[in-house]
Amino acid sequence: MNIGVVQKKILVLLLTGLALGLSRSPRQSSYIIRAAKRDWKNINKKQFKRSITLLRDHGAVKMRKNNDGTMRVLLTKKGKRIAERHSLDFLKIKKPRRWDEKWRMVIFDVPEKNRAARDIFRFYIKRLGFYELQHSVWVYPYKCAREIQHLVDFFGMARYIHLVEAAMISNDRFLRRRFKL
């Protein structure tokens, strides 16, 4: 199914609502609500209606009429699969004004049988702005545990991927230049 940006956002927002309903952590719920609110502002009514119709026609969502005459849009299993795949497209790490002078390192050793997942994981951490310090050791200067955990959970590779927070990396001058710190 080839879908546009608005359809992706709608699916991800519907998934966000589902994720919110299943979230036990108030902190995680707060993060989900803020992200959804930002994305929802960028969709106008005309785009929304056209996108919902397209998603319904492709079987990604279904419509239910409420007793009060309003419509409820529900994510189908197919829509959930698509939304989970596209939720990674909107993954970003918020950069604080000041660096806390700690380095975050993602270290992974994913078996060859999971090569495809490893390559996609590497693609996403590179896209997030990580720098490859050594083979399978990637560095980033800002807090990113939530985003890395999202990737780890999505790819189901918790036993192969580790996030380390370090106060110091020797000879980090080139890293400071790389990240403009």
C-alpha atoms as a PDB file:
ATOM      1  CA  MET A   1       0.000   0.000   0.000  1.00  0.00           C
ATOM      2  CA  ASN A   2       1.503   3.315  -1.087  1.00  0.00           C
ATOM      3  CA  ILE A   3       0.374   6.041   1.308  1.00  0.00           C
ATOM      4  CA  GLY A   4       1.145   9.727   1.644  1.00  0.00           C
ATOM      5  CA  VAL A   5       2.464  11.771   4.524  1.00  0.00           C
ATOM      6  CA  VAL A   6      -0.981  12.700   5.880  1.00  0.00           C
ATOM      7  CA  GLN A   7      -2.133   9.067   5.824  1.00  0.00           C
ATOM      8  CA  LYS A   8       1.072   8.057   7.637  1.00  0.00           C
ATOM      9  CA  LYS A   9       0.469  10.717  10.280  1.00  0.00           C
ATOM     10  CA  ILE A  10      -3.139   9.636  10.775  1.00  0.00           C
ATOM     11  CA  LEU A  11      -2.141   5.985  11.157  1.00  0.00           C
ATOM     12  CA  VAL A  12       0.663   6.866  13.566  1.00  0.00           C
ATOM     13  CA  LEU A  13      -1.686   9.119  15.557  1.00  0.00           C
ATOM     14  CA  LEU A  14      -4.259   6.321  15.765  1.00  0.00           C
ATOM     15  CA  LEU A  15      -1.481   3.984  16.870  1.00  0.00           C
ATOM     16  CA  THR A  16      -0.456   6.620  19.425  1.00  0.00           C
ATOM     17  CA  GLY A  17      -3.960   6.548  20.858  1.00  0.00           C
ATOM     18  CA  LEU A  18      -3.725   2.781  21.077  1.00  0.00           C
ATOM     19  CA  ALA A  19      -0.288   3.061  22.658  1.00  0.00           C
ATOM     20  CA  LEU A  20      -1.630   5.590  25.154  1.00  0.00           C
ATOM     21  CA  GLY A  21      -4.418   3.230  26.133  1.00  0.00           C
ATOM     22  CA  LEU A  22      -1.907   0.463  26.775  1.00  0.00           C
ATOM     23  CA  SER A  23       0.719   2.648  28.475  1.00  0.00           C
ATOM     24  CA  ARG A  24       1.085   2.154  32.221  1.00  0.00           C
ATOM     25  CA  SER A  25       3.634   4.922  32.675  1.00  0.00           C
ATOM     26  CA  PRO A  26       2.347   8.499  33.184  1.00  0.00           C
ATOM     27  CA  ARG A  27       5.665   9.765  31.823  1.00  0.00           C
ATOM     28  CA  GLN A  28       5.312   7.740  28.616  1.00  0.00           C
ATOM     29  CA  SER A  29       1.670   8.800  28.263  1.00  0.00           C
ATOM     30  CA  SER A  30       2.699  12.450  28.579  1.00  0.00           C
ATOM     31  CA  TYR A  31       5.358  12.019  25.885  1.00  0.00           C
ATOM     32  CA  ILE A  32       2.847  10.327  23.551  1.00  0.00           C
ATOM     33  CA  ILE A  33       0.246  13.078  24.078  1.00  0.00           C
ATOM     34  CA  ARG A  34       2.756  15.869  23.324  1.00  0.00           C
ATOM     35  CA  ALA A  35       3.967  14.138  20.138  1.00  0.00           C
ATOM     36  CA  ALA A  36       0.414  13.497  18.945  1.00  0.00           C
ATOM     37  CA  LYS A  37      -0.649  17.092  19.605  1.00  0.00           C
ATOM     38  CA  ARG A  38       2.243  18.468  17.497  1.00  0.00           C
ATOM     39  CA  ASP A  39       1.442  16.166  14.577  1.00  0.00           C
ATOM     40  CA  TRP A  40      -2.323  16.721  14.718  1.00  0.00           C
ATOM     41  CA  LYS A  41      -1.947  20.513  14.283  1.00  0.00           C
ATOM     42  CA  ASN A  42      -0.398  20.025  10.841  1.00  0.00           C
ATOM     43  CA  ILE A  43      -3.385  18.225   9.263  1.00  0.00           C
ATOM     44  CA  ASN A  44      -6.267  20.280   7.779  1.00  0.00           C
ATOM     45  CA  LYS A  45      -9.890  19.040   7.555  1.00  0.00           C
ATOM     46  CA  LYS A  46      -9.945  18.497   3.794  1.00  0.00           C
ATOM     47  CA  GLN A  47      -6.737  16.429   3.840  1.00  0.00           C
ATOM     48  CA  PHE A  48      -8.011  14.548   6.852  1.00  0.00           C
ATOM     49  CA  LYS A  49     -11.322  13.502   5.259  1.00  0.00           C
ATOM     50  CA  ARG A  50      -9.674  12.467   1.986  1.00  0.00           C
ATOM     51  CA  SER A  51      -6.976  10.549   3.846  1.00  0.00           C
ATOM     52  CA  ILE A  52      -9.449   8.713   6.089  1.00  0.00           C
ATOM     53  CA  THR A  53     -11.436   7.653   3.009  1.00  0.00           C
ATOM     54  CA  LEU A  54      -8.280   6.336   1.324  1.00  0.00           C
ATOM     55  CA  LEU A  55      -7.220   4.466   4.460  1.00  0.00           C
ATOM     56  CA  ARG A  56     -10.707   2.942   4.790  1.00  0.00           C
ATOM     57  CA  ASP A  57     -10.669   1.875   1.140  1.00  0.00           C
ATOM     58  CA  HIS A  58      -7.306   0.152   1.676  1.00  0.00           C
ATOM     59  CA  GLY A  59      -8.505  -1.619   4.829  1.00  0.00           C
ATOM     60  CA  ALA A  60      -6.179   0.233   7.207  1.00  0.00           C
ATOM     61  CA  VAL A  61      -9.000   1.788   9.238  1.00  0.00           C
ATOM     62  CA  LYS A  62     -12.689   1.130   9.795  1.00  0.00           C
ATOM     63  CA  MET A  63     -15.432   3.566  10.663  1.00  0.00           C
ATOM     64  CA  ARG A  64     -18.006   3.143  13.414  1.00  0.00           C
ATOM     65  CA  LYS A  65     -20.953   5.422  14.037  1.00  0.00           C
ATOM     66  CA  ASN A  66     -21.471   6.432  17.671  1.00  0.00           C
ATOM     67  CA  ASN A  67     -24.921   6.810  19.275  1.00  0.00           C
ATOM     68  CA  ASP A  68     -24.566  10.606  19.223  1.00  0.00           C
ATOM     69  CA  GLY A  69     -24.082  10.638  15.415  1.00  0.00           C
ATOM     70  CA  THR A  70     -20.317  11.166  15.441  1.00  0.00           C
ATOM     71  CA  MET A  71     -17.952   8.768  13.710  1.00  0.00           C
ATOM     72  CA  ARG A  72     -15.156   6.820  15.326  1.00  0.00           C
ATOM     73  CA  VAL A  73     -12.096   5.819  13.309  1.00  0.00           C
ATOM     74  CA  LEU A  74     -10.506   2.538  14.393  1.00  0.00           C
ATOM     75  CA  LEU A  75      -7.202   1.056  13.344  1.00  0.00           C
ATOM     76  CA  THR A  76      -7.420  -2.418  11.802  1.00  0.00           C
ATOM     77  CA  LYS A  77      -4.706  -5.071  12.181  1.00  0.00           C
ATOM     78  CA  LYS A  78      -3.436  -4.139   8.728  1.00  0.00           C
ATOM     79  CA  GLY A  79      -3.446  -0.459   9.702  1.00  0.00           C
ATOM     80  CA  LYS A  80      -1.590  -1.222  12.913  1.00  0.00           C
ATOM     81  CA  ARG A  81       1.183  -3.021  10.981  1.00  0.00           C
ATOM     82  CA  ILE A  82       1.503  -0.090   8.581  1.00  0.00           C
ATOM     83  CA  ALA A  83       1.438   2.474  11.407  1.00  0.00           C
ATOM     84  CA  GLU A  84       4.122   0.682  13.401  1.00  0.00           C
ATOM     85  CA  ARG A  85       6.370   0.597  10.347  1.00  0.00           C
ATOM     86  CA  HIS A  86       5.832   4.300   9.640  1.00  0.00           C
ATOM     87  CA  SER A  87       6.053   5.436  13.268  1.00  0.00           C
ATOM     88  CA  LEU A  88       9.825   5.183  12.900  1.00  0.00           C
ATOM     89  CA  ASP A  89       9.707   7.803  10.126  1.00  0.00           C
ATOM     90  CA  PHE A  90       8.675  10.416  12.702  1.00  0.00           C
ATOM     91  CA  LEU A  91      11.212   9.415  15.364  1.00  0.00           C
ATOM     92  CA  LYS A  92      13.369  12.374  16.441  1.00  0.00           C
ATOM     93  CA  ILE A  93      15.606  13.193  19.380  1.00  0.00           C
ATOM     94  CA  LYS A  94      14.993  16.544  21.028  1.00  0.00           C
ATOM     95  CA  LYS A  95      18.223  18.495  21.493  1.00  0.00           C
ATOM     96  CA  PRO A  96      18.472  20.509  24.707  1.00  0.00           C
ATOM     97  CA  ARG A  97      19.916  24.013  24.744  1.00  0.00           C
ATOM     98  CA  ARG A  98      22.934  22.901  26.736  1.00  0.00           C
ATOM     99  CA  TRP A  99      24.869  19.670  26.529  1.00  0.00           C
ATOM    100  CA  ASP A 100      25.060  17.766  29.828  1.00  0.00           C
ATOM    101  CA  GLU A 101      28.617  16.610  28.911  1.00  0.00           C
ATOM    102  CA  LYS A 102      27.644  12.958  28.800  1.00  0.00           C
ATOM    103  CA  TRP A 103      27.978  10.659  25.827  1.00  0.00           C
ATOM    104  CA  ARG A 104      25.381   8.061  24.881  1.00  0.00           C
ATOM    105  CA  MET A 105      26.710   4.961  23.176  1.00  0.00           C
ATOM    106  CA  VAL A 106      24.632   2.347  21.437  1.00  0.00           C
ATOM    107  CA  ILE A 107      26.525  -0.925  21.294  1.00  0.00           C
ATOM    108  CA  PHE A 108      25.120  -3.879  19.439  1.00  0.00           C
ATOM    109  CA  ASP A 109      26.104  -7.350  18.367  1.00  0.00           C
ATOM    110  CA  VAL A 110      23.214  -8.695  16.323  1.00  0.00           C
ATOM    111  CA  PRO A 111      23.649 -12.214  14.886  1.00  0.00           C
ATOM    112  CA  GLU A 112      24.013 -12.698  11.146  1.00  0.00           C
ATOM    113  CA  LYS A 113      20.629 -14.455  10.986  1.00  0.00           C
ATOM    114  CA  ASN A 114      19.050 -11.082  11.955  1.00  0.00           C
ATOM    115  CA  ARG A 115      21.106  -9.126   9.435  1.00  0.00           C
ATOM    116  CA  ALA A 116      18.130  -7.306   7.875  1.00  0.00           C
ATOM    117  CA  ALA A 117      16.903  -6.015  11.252  1.00  0.00           C
ATOM    118  CA  ARG A 118      20.478  -5.035  12.188  1.00  0.00           C
ATOM    119  CA  ASP A 119      20.923  -3.072   8.960  1.00  0.00           C
ATOM    120  CA  ILE A 120      17.607  -1.277   9.384  1.00  0.00           C
ATOM    121  CA  PHE A 121      18.421  -0.499  13.033  1.00  0.00           C
ATOM    122  CA  ARG A 122      21.779   0.932  11.916  1.00  0.00           C
ATOM    123  CA  PHE A 123      19.977   3.020   9.265  1.00  0.00           C
ATOM    124  CA  TYR A 124      17.657   4.545  11.886  1.00  0.00           C
ATOM    125  CA  ILE A 125      20.332   5.396  14.449  1.00  0.00           C
ATOM    126  CA  LYS A 126      22.398   6.991  11.702  1.00  0.00           C
ATOM    127  CA  ARG A 127      19.326   8.959  10.633  1.00  0.00           C
ATOM    128  CA  LEU A 128      18.832  10.074  14.245  1.00  0.00           C
ATOM    129  CA  GLY A 129      22.304  11.625  14.095  1.00  0.00           C
ATOM    130  CA  PHE A 130      24.490   9.036  15.798  1.00  0.00           C
ATOM    131  CA  TYR A 131      28.153   8.811  14.798  1.00  0.00           C
ATOM    132  CA  GLU A 132      29.837   5.423  14.289  1.00  0.00           C
ATOM    133  CA  LEU A 133      32.800   5.448  16.663  1.00  0.00           C
ATOM    134  CA  GLN A 134      33.745   1.845  15.899  1.00  0.00           C
ATOM    135  CA  HIS A 135      32.017  -1.035  14.175  1.00  0.00           C
ATOM    136  CA  SER A 136      28.653  -1.468  15.975  1.00  0.00           C
ATOM    137  CA  VAL A 137      29.461   1.294  18.493  1.00  0.00           C
ATOM    138  CA  TRP A 138      27.547   4.506  17.839  1.00  0.00           C
ATOM    139  CA  VAL A 139      27.789   7.759  19.825  1.00  0.00           C
ATOM    140  CA  TYR A 140      25.388  10.633  20.479  1.00  0.00           C
ATOM    141  CA  PRO A 141      25.705  13.548  22.931  1.00  0.00           C
ATOM    142  CA  TYR A 142      22.077  13.986  24.036  1.00  0.00           C
ATOM    143  CA  LYS A 143      19.527  11.974  26.006  1.00  0.00           C
ATOM    144  CA  CYS A 144      18.005   9.380  23.714  1.00  0.00           C
ATOM    145  CA  ALA A 145      17.029   6.391  25.866  1.00  0.00           C
ATOM    146  CA  ARG A 146      13.329   6.637  24.992  1.00  0.00           C
ATOM    147  CA  GLU A 147      13.978   6.743  21.236  1.00  0.00           C
ATOM    148  CA  ILE A 148      16.524   3.908  21.334  1.00  0.00           C
ATOM    149  CA  GLN A 149      14.144   1.818  23.440  1.00  0.00           C
ATOM    150  CA  HIS A 150      11.428   2.422  20.846  1.00  0.00           C
ATOM    151  CA  LEU A 151      13.719   1.082  18.107  1.00  0.00           C
ATOM    152  CA  VAL A 152      14.844  -1.866  20.237  1.00  0.00           C
ATOM    153  CA  ASP A 153      11.237  -2.785  21.045  1.00  0.00           C
ATOM    154  CA  PHE A 154      10.141  -2.365  17.444  1.00  0.00           C
ATOM    155  CA  PHE A 155      12.837  -4.694  16.109  1.00  0.00           C
ATOM    156  CA  GLY A 156      12.644  -7.073  19.092  1.00  0.00           C
ATOM    157  CA  MET A 157      16.406  -7.066  19.672  1.00  0.00           C
ATOM    158  CA  ALA A 158      16.704  -6.173  23.367  1.00  0.00           C
ATOM    159  CA  ARG A 159      19.228  -8.921  24.057  1.00  0.00           C
ATOM    160  CA  TYR A 160      21.611  -7.638  21.355  1.00  0.00           C
ATOM    161  CA  ILE A 161      21.506  -3.858  21.828  1.00  0.00           C
ATOM    162  CA  HIS A 162      22.809  -1.860  24.797  1.00  0.00           C
ATOM    163  CA  LEU A 163      22.699   1.835  25.608  1.00  0.00           C
ATOM    164  CA  VAL A 164      25.575   3.186  27.701  1.00  0.00           C
ATOM    165  CA  GLU A 165      25.847   6.654  29.206  1.00  0.00           C
ATOM    166  CA  ALA A 166      29.451   7.751  29.696  1.00  0.00           C
ATOM    167  CA  ALA A 167      30.906  10.819  31.398  1.00  0.00           C
ATOM    168  CA  MET A 168      34.042  10.687  29.290  1.00  0.00           C
ATOM    169  CA  ILE A 169      35.408   9.327  26.028  1.00  0.00           C
ATOM    170  CA  SER A 170      39.134   9.704  25.537  1.00  0.00           C
ATOM    171  CA  ASN A 171      40.209  11.946  22.667  1.00  0.00           C
ATOM    172  CA  ASP A 172      36.669  13.203  22.156  1.00  0.00           C
ATOM    173  CA  ARG A 173      37.752  16.477  20.518  1.00  0.00           C
ATOM    174  CA  PHE A 174      36.725  15.232  17.078  1.00  0.00           C
ATOM    175  CA  LEU A 175      33.325  14.155  18.460  1.00  0.00           C
ATOM    176  CA  ARG A 176      32.775  17.577  20.016  1.00  0.00           C
ATOM    177  CA  ARG A 177      33.546  19.154  16.619  1.00  0.00           C
ATOM    178  CA  ARG A 178      31.314  16.658  14.834  1.00  0.00           C
ATOM    179  CA  PHE A 179      28.352  17.506  17.065  1.00  0.00           C
ATOM    180  CA  LYS A 180      29.269  21.226  17.307  1.00  0.00           C
ATOM    181  CA  LEU A 181      29.604  21.161  21.098  1.00  0.00           C
END
